[in-house]
Amino acid sequence: MLISTLINKLKSPPDLAALRAAHAKTLDELEKAPADAKLATKERDAREALAVAEARIGRARERAAAERAEEAEREAEGRRTKLRELHERTQASLDVAVQARVTAAVRELAQVVAEVRAFELGRQDASQRARVLMRSCSLADIDAALGVESADHAAGCIARWSADDEGKRDETGRPIYSPSELAERRAHQARVAEADARRRAENAVIARADPRDAAAALARGARAEVGVAAADPLVAALAGGPT
């Protein structure tokens, strides 16, 4: 551009003032051109340096983020490890406590089963011993010892059966049973009533909360009239004495 301007100026008639002005302008442009080039170079260098700095900052941020993530992961892993250890200790404590409670419950259950078995055996033994004593006791003695009403029950049964037998008539209105037959029937009914009363007394012994106490009471009540049975080891055992 400057060269074409000079050529055009040279073709025209020489004008010293114009030449001087053009020369001055040309010098000014020449002075400014290197400055603009330097600025462009500096601007380019600055942009390149800025890009490099931004790249370094980006990489630094990435490294810092990665380090923070790793640190957070390590902390999280440490918390998880502590939680696992706490869970294991708690589970172990719970296992020990549960095992202890289960063991205690099993022992208690075994003790209860043993007591129940012992009670059942004791009740069977007391019932058997009571039956032995009852064979030698009167119903009155049984009633006095156990607080039951076996004799009244037997007497009531005999009275009802006797009244029923005496009230039976044939077509002509005469009694069906003769006096001797009535006597035989009454004797049989008395045996049946007494056996039924003794079974009721045995059931009363078995139904007691502590059958040995009931059998011992029966033994003490029977001693006065059962001399042979009082010396028997079964009687002594039921009464709480030495066997």
Protein backbone atom coordinates (compact mmCIF):
# COMPACT_ATOMS: atom_id res chain seq x y z
CA MET A 1 0.00 0.00 0.00
CA LEU A 2 2.79 2.41 0.84
CA ILE A 3 4.72 1.56 -2.33
CA SER A 4 1.68 2.10 -4.57
CA THR A 5 1.11 5.47 -2.91
CA LEU A 6 4.71 6.49 -3.57
CA ILE A 7 4.46 5.44 -7.23
CA ASN A 8 1.31 7.45 -7.69
CA LYS A 9 2.94 10.43 -6.10
CA LEU A 10 5.97 10.15 -8.35
CA LYS A 11 3.84 10.09 -11.48
CA SER A 12 2.15 13.31 -10.54
CA PRO A 13 3.94 16.66 -10.69
CA PRO A 14 6.31 17.09 -7.82
CA ASP A 15 4.70 18.77 -4.83
CA LEU A 16 7.17 19.25 -2.07
CA ALA A 17 4.61 19.84 0.65
CA ALA A 18 2.59 16.80 -0.39
CA LEU A 19 5.73 14.75 -0.58
CA ARG A 20 6.73 15.81 2.85
CA ALA A 21 3.28 15.02 4.21
CA ALA A 22 3.27 11.64 2.50
CA HIS A 23 6.75 10.95 3.75
CA ALA A 24 5.75 11.87 7.28
CA LYS A 25 2.65 9.72 7.06
CA THR A 26 4.71 6.86 5.68
CA LEU A 27 7.19 7.16 8.48
CA ASP A 28 4.36 7.26 11.00
CA GLU A 29 2.79 4.15 9.53
CA LEU A 30 6.15 2.44 9.45
CA GLU A 31 6.67 3.29 13.10
CA LYS A 32 3.22 2.03 14.03
CA ALA A 33 3.44 -1.24 12.07
CA PRO A 34 6.17 -2.85 14.21
CA ALA A 35 4.31 -1.78 17.35
CA ASP A 36 1.10 -3.49 16.17
CA ALA A 37 3.07 -6.59 15.26
CA LYS A 38 4.65 -6.63 18.68
CA LEU A 39 1.25 -6.21 20.32
CA ALA A 40 -0.16 -9.04 18.23
CA THR A 41 2.77 -11.23 19.14
CA LYS A 42 2.42 -10.33 22.80
CA GLU A 43 -1.31 -10.92 22.61
CA ARG A 44 -0.73 -14.29 20.95
CA ASP A 45 1.91 -15.19 23.51
CA ALA A 46 -0.41 -14.06 26.28
CA ARG A 47 -3.25 -16.13 24.90
CA GLU A 48 -0.98 -19.15 24.61
CA ALA A 49 0.27 -18.61 28.15
CA LEU A 50 -3.34 -18.21 29.33
CA ALA A 51 -4.32 -21.45 27.58
CA VAL A 52 -1.34 -23.22 29.16
CA ALA A 53 -2.25 -21.76 32.56
CA GLU A 54 -5.89 -22.77 32.14
CA ALA A 55 -4.78 -26.26 31.14
CA ARG A 56 -2.54 -26.45 34.22
CA ILE A 57 -5.37 -25.15 36.42
CA GLY A 58 -7.74 -27.73 34.92
CA ARG A 59 -5.28 -30.55 35.54
CA ALA A 60 -4.67 -29.25 39.07
CA ARG A 61 -8.42 -29.17 39.70
CA GLU A 62 -8.77 -32.70 38.37
CA ARG A 63 -5.92 -33.90 40.60
CA ALA A 64 -7.44 -32.11 43.60
CA ALA A 65 -10.87 -33.60 42.86
CA ALA A 66 -9.35 -37.06 42.48
CA GLU A 67 -7.42 -36.65 45.73
CA ARG A 68 -10.57 -35.44 47.53
CA ALA A 69 -12.51 -38.41 46.11
CA GLU A 70 -9.79 -40.82 47.23
CA GLU A 71 -9.70 -39.23 50.68
CA ALA A 72 -13.48 -39.41 50.94
CA GLU A 73 -13.39 -43.07 49.85
CA ARG A 74 -10.71 -43.82 52.46
CA GLU A 75 -12.78 -42.11 55.15
CA ALA A 76 -15.90 -43.95 54.04
CA GLU A 77 -14.03 -47.25 54.06
CA GLY A 78 -12.74 -46.49 57.54
CA ARG A 79 -16.29 -45.75 58.74
CA ARG A 80 -17.53 -48.95 57.12
CA THR A 81 -14.74 -50.91 58.80
CA LYS A 82 -15.63 -49.43 62.18
CA LEU A 83 -19.30 -50.16 61.62
CA ARG A 84 -18.50 -53.76 60.66
CA GLU A 85 -16.36 -54.21 63.76
CA LEU A 86 -19.09 -52.66 65.93
CA HIS A 87 -21.69 -54.92 64.31
CA GLU A 88 -19.51 -57.99 64.85
CA ARG A 89 -18.94 -57.09 68.51
CA THR A 90 -22.63 -56.39 69.02
CA GLN A 91 -23.61 -59.62 67.26
CA ALA A 92 -21.14 -61.57 69.37
CA SER A 93 -22.55 -60.00 72.54
CA LEU A 94 -26.08 -60.76 71.41
CA ASP A 95 -25.13 -64.33 70.55
CA VAL A 96 -23.62 -64.81 73.99
CA ALA A 97 -26.65 -63.27 75.69
CA VAL A 98 -29.11 -65.28 73.61
CA GLN A 99 -27.14 -68.48 74.19
CA ALA A 100 -27.09 -67.79 77.92
CA ARG A 101 -30.84 -67.16 77.96
CA VAL A 102 -31.50 -70.26 75.88
CA THR A 103 -29.30 -72.34 78.17
CA ALA A 104 -31.07 -70.97 81.24
CA ALA A 105 -34.47 -71.60 79.66
CA VAL A 106 -33.50 -75.16 78.76
CA ARG A 107 -32.25 -75.81 82.27
CA GLU A 108 -35.41 -74.32 83.76
CA LEU A 109 -37.55 -76.41 81.42
CA ALA A 110 -35.59 -79.53 82.34
CA GLN A 111 -36.10 -78.73 86.00
CA VAL A 112 -39.83 -78.23 85.49
CA VAL A 113 -40.06 -81.50 83.57
CA ALA A 114 -38.18 -83.28 86.35
CA GLU A 115 -40.49 -81.77 88.97
CA VAL A 116 -43.56 -82.75 86.98
CA ARG A 117 -42.27 -86.28 86.58
CA ALA A 118 -41.44 -86.46 90.26
CA PHE A 119 -44.88 -85.15 91.14
CA GLU A 120 -46.56 -87.66 88.85
CA LEU A 121 -44.49 -90.48 90.31
CA GLY A 122 -45.26 -89.23 93.81
CA ARG A 123 -48.94 -89.02 93.04
CA GLN A 124 -48.98 -92.54 91.63
CA ASP A 125 -47.04 -93.82 94.64
CA ALA A 126 -49.32 -92.01 97.09
CA SER A 127 -52.39 -93.28 95.27
CA GLN A 128 -51.09 -96.85 95.42
CA ARG A 129 -50.23 -96.54 99.11
CA ALA A 130 -53.64 -94.98 99.80
CA ARG A 131 -55.34 -97.91 98.11
CA VAL A 132 -53.40 -100.31 100.35
CA LEU A 133 -54.58 -98.45 103.43
CA MET A 134 -58.14 -98.19 102.20
CA ARG A 135 -58.40 -101.95 102.04
CA SER A 136 -58.06 -102.02 105.83
CA CYS A 137 -60.04 -98.86 106.67
CA SER A 138 -63.74 -98.36 107.14
CA LEU A 139 -65.57 -95.75 105.11
CA ALA A 140 -66.00 -93.66 108.25
CA ASP A 141 -62.22 -93.60 108.79
CA ILE A 142 -61.68 -92.66 105.15
CA ASP A 143 -64.21 -89.84 105.41
CA ALA A 144 -62.61 -88.55 108.61
CA ALA A 145 -59.13 -88.59 107.10
CA LEU A 146 -59.96 -87.12 103.68
CA GLY A 147 -62.92 -84.91 104.47
CA VAL A 148 -65.18 -86.69 101.99
CA GLU A 149 -68.61 -88.32 102.39
CA SER A 150 -68.01 -91.84 101.16
CA ALA A 151 -70.12 -93.51 103.88
CA ASP A 152 -73.07 -91.17 103.27
CA HIS A 153 -72.77 -91.80 99.56
CA ALA A 154 -72.77 -95.57 100.04
CA ALA A 155 -75.68 -95.43 102.49
CA GLY A 156 -77.66 -93.28 100.10
CA CYS A 157 -77.04 -95.68 97.23
CA ILE A 158 -78.10 -98.67 99.34
CA ALA A 159 -81.26 -96.89 100.48
CA ARG A 160 -82.26 -95.97 96.96
CA TRP A 161 -81.59 -99.44 95.61
CA SER A 162 -83.41 -101.12 98.50
CA ALA A 163 -86.42 -98.88 98.13
CA ASP A 164 -86.47 -99.58 94.43
CA ASP A 165 -86.29 -103.36 95.03
CA GLU A 166 -89.02 -103.28 97.68
CA GLY A 167 -91.27 -101.24 95.43
CA LYS A 168 -91.19 -103.72 92.58
CA ARG A 169 -94.40 -105.77 92.19
CA ASP A 170 -95.66 -108.41 89.80
CA GLU A 171 -98.99 -108.39 87.92
CA THR A 172 -100.89 -109.49 91.03
CA GLY A 173 -99.35 -106.77 93.19
CA ARG A 174 -97.13 -109.06 95.24
CA PRO A 175 -93.45 -108.21 95.84
CA ILE A 176 -91.10 -109.65 93.24
CA TYR A 177 -88.33 -110.40 95.77
CA SER A 178 -88.77 -112.50 98.86
CA PRO A 179 -87.26 -111.34 102.17
CA SER A 180 -84.27 -113.66 101.70
CA GLU A 181 -83.75 -112.42 98.16
CA LEU A 182 -83.97 -108.84 99.38
CA ALA A 183 -81.36 -109.59 102.04
CA GLU A 184 -79.03 -111.08 99.44
CA ARG A 185 -79.54 -108.12 97.12
CA ARG A 186 -78.92 -105.68 99.94
CA ALA A 187 -75.68 -107.43 100.86
CA HIS A 188 -74.57 -107.31 97.23
CA GLN A 189 -75.63 -103.68 96.91
CA ALA A 190 -73.73 -102.84 100.06
CA ARG A 191 -70.55 -104.34 98.62
CA VAL A 192 -71.09 -102.46 95.34
CA ALA A 193 -71.79 -99.18 97.16
CA GLU A 194 -68.73 -99.57 99.38
CA ALA A 195 -66.51 -100.30 96.35
CA ASP A 196 -67.90 -97.23 94.60
CA ALA A 197 -67.33 -95.13 97.71
CA ARG A 198 -63.74 -96.34 97.99
CA ARG A 199 -63.11 -95.42 94.32
CA ARG A 200 -64.50 -91.95 95.02
CA ALA A 201 -62.14 -91.67 97.99
CA GLU A 202 -59.19 -92.78 95.86
CA ASN A 203 -60.10 -90.15 93.27
CA ALA A 204 -60.18 -87.57 96.06
CA VAL A 205 -56.65 -88.60 97.08
CA ILE A 206 -55.38 -88.37 93.50
CA ALA A 207 -57.01 -84.97 92.98
CA ARG A 208 -55.20 -83.38 95.94
CA ALA A 209 -52.50 -80.79 95.16
CA ASP A 210 -50.02 -82.77 97.23
CA PRO A 211 -51.11 -86.42 97.17
CA ARG A 212 -48.55 -87.45 99.81
CA ASP A 213 -50.19 -85.14 102.35
CA ALA A 214 -53.59 -86.65 101.60
CA ALA A 215 -52.25 -90.19 101.91
CA ALA A 216 -50.45 -89.30 105.15
CA ALA A 217 -53.66 -87.82 106.54
CA LEU A 218 -55.46 -91.01 105.62
CA ALA A 219 -52.77 -93.05 107.35
CA ARG A 220 -52.97 -90.98 110.53
CA GLY A 221 -56.77 -91.20 110.56
CA ALA A 222 -56.66 -94.97 110.08
CA ARG A 223 -54.09 -95.79 112.76
CA ALA A 224 -56.60 -95.86 115.59
CA GLU A 225 -58.57 -98.79 114.18
CA VAL A 226 -56.10 -100.48 111.84
CA GLY A 227 -53.56 -102.02 114.16
CA VAL A 228 -51.96 -104.26 111.58
CA ALA A 229 -51.71 -101.56 108.94
CA ALA A 230 -50.28 -99.05 111.42
CA ALA A 231 -47.21 -101.23 111.84
CA ASP A 232 -46.80 -101.66 108.11
CA PRO A 233 -43.90 -99.77 106.42
CA LEU A 234 -46.36 -98.29 103.92
CA VAL A 235 -48.31 -96.67 106.73
CA ALA A 236 -45.13 -95.29 108.26
CA ALA A 237 -44.07 -93.87 104.92
CA LEU A 238 -47.44 -92.23 104.35
CA ALA A 239 -47.44 -90.79 107.85
CA GLY A 240 -44.00 -89.27 107.27
CA GLY A 241 -42.12 -91.66 109.56
CA PRO A 242 -39.11 -93.87 108.84
CA THR A 243 -39.50 -96.68 106.33
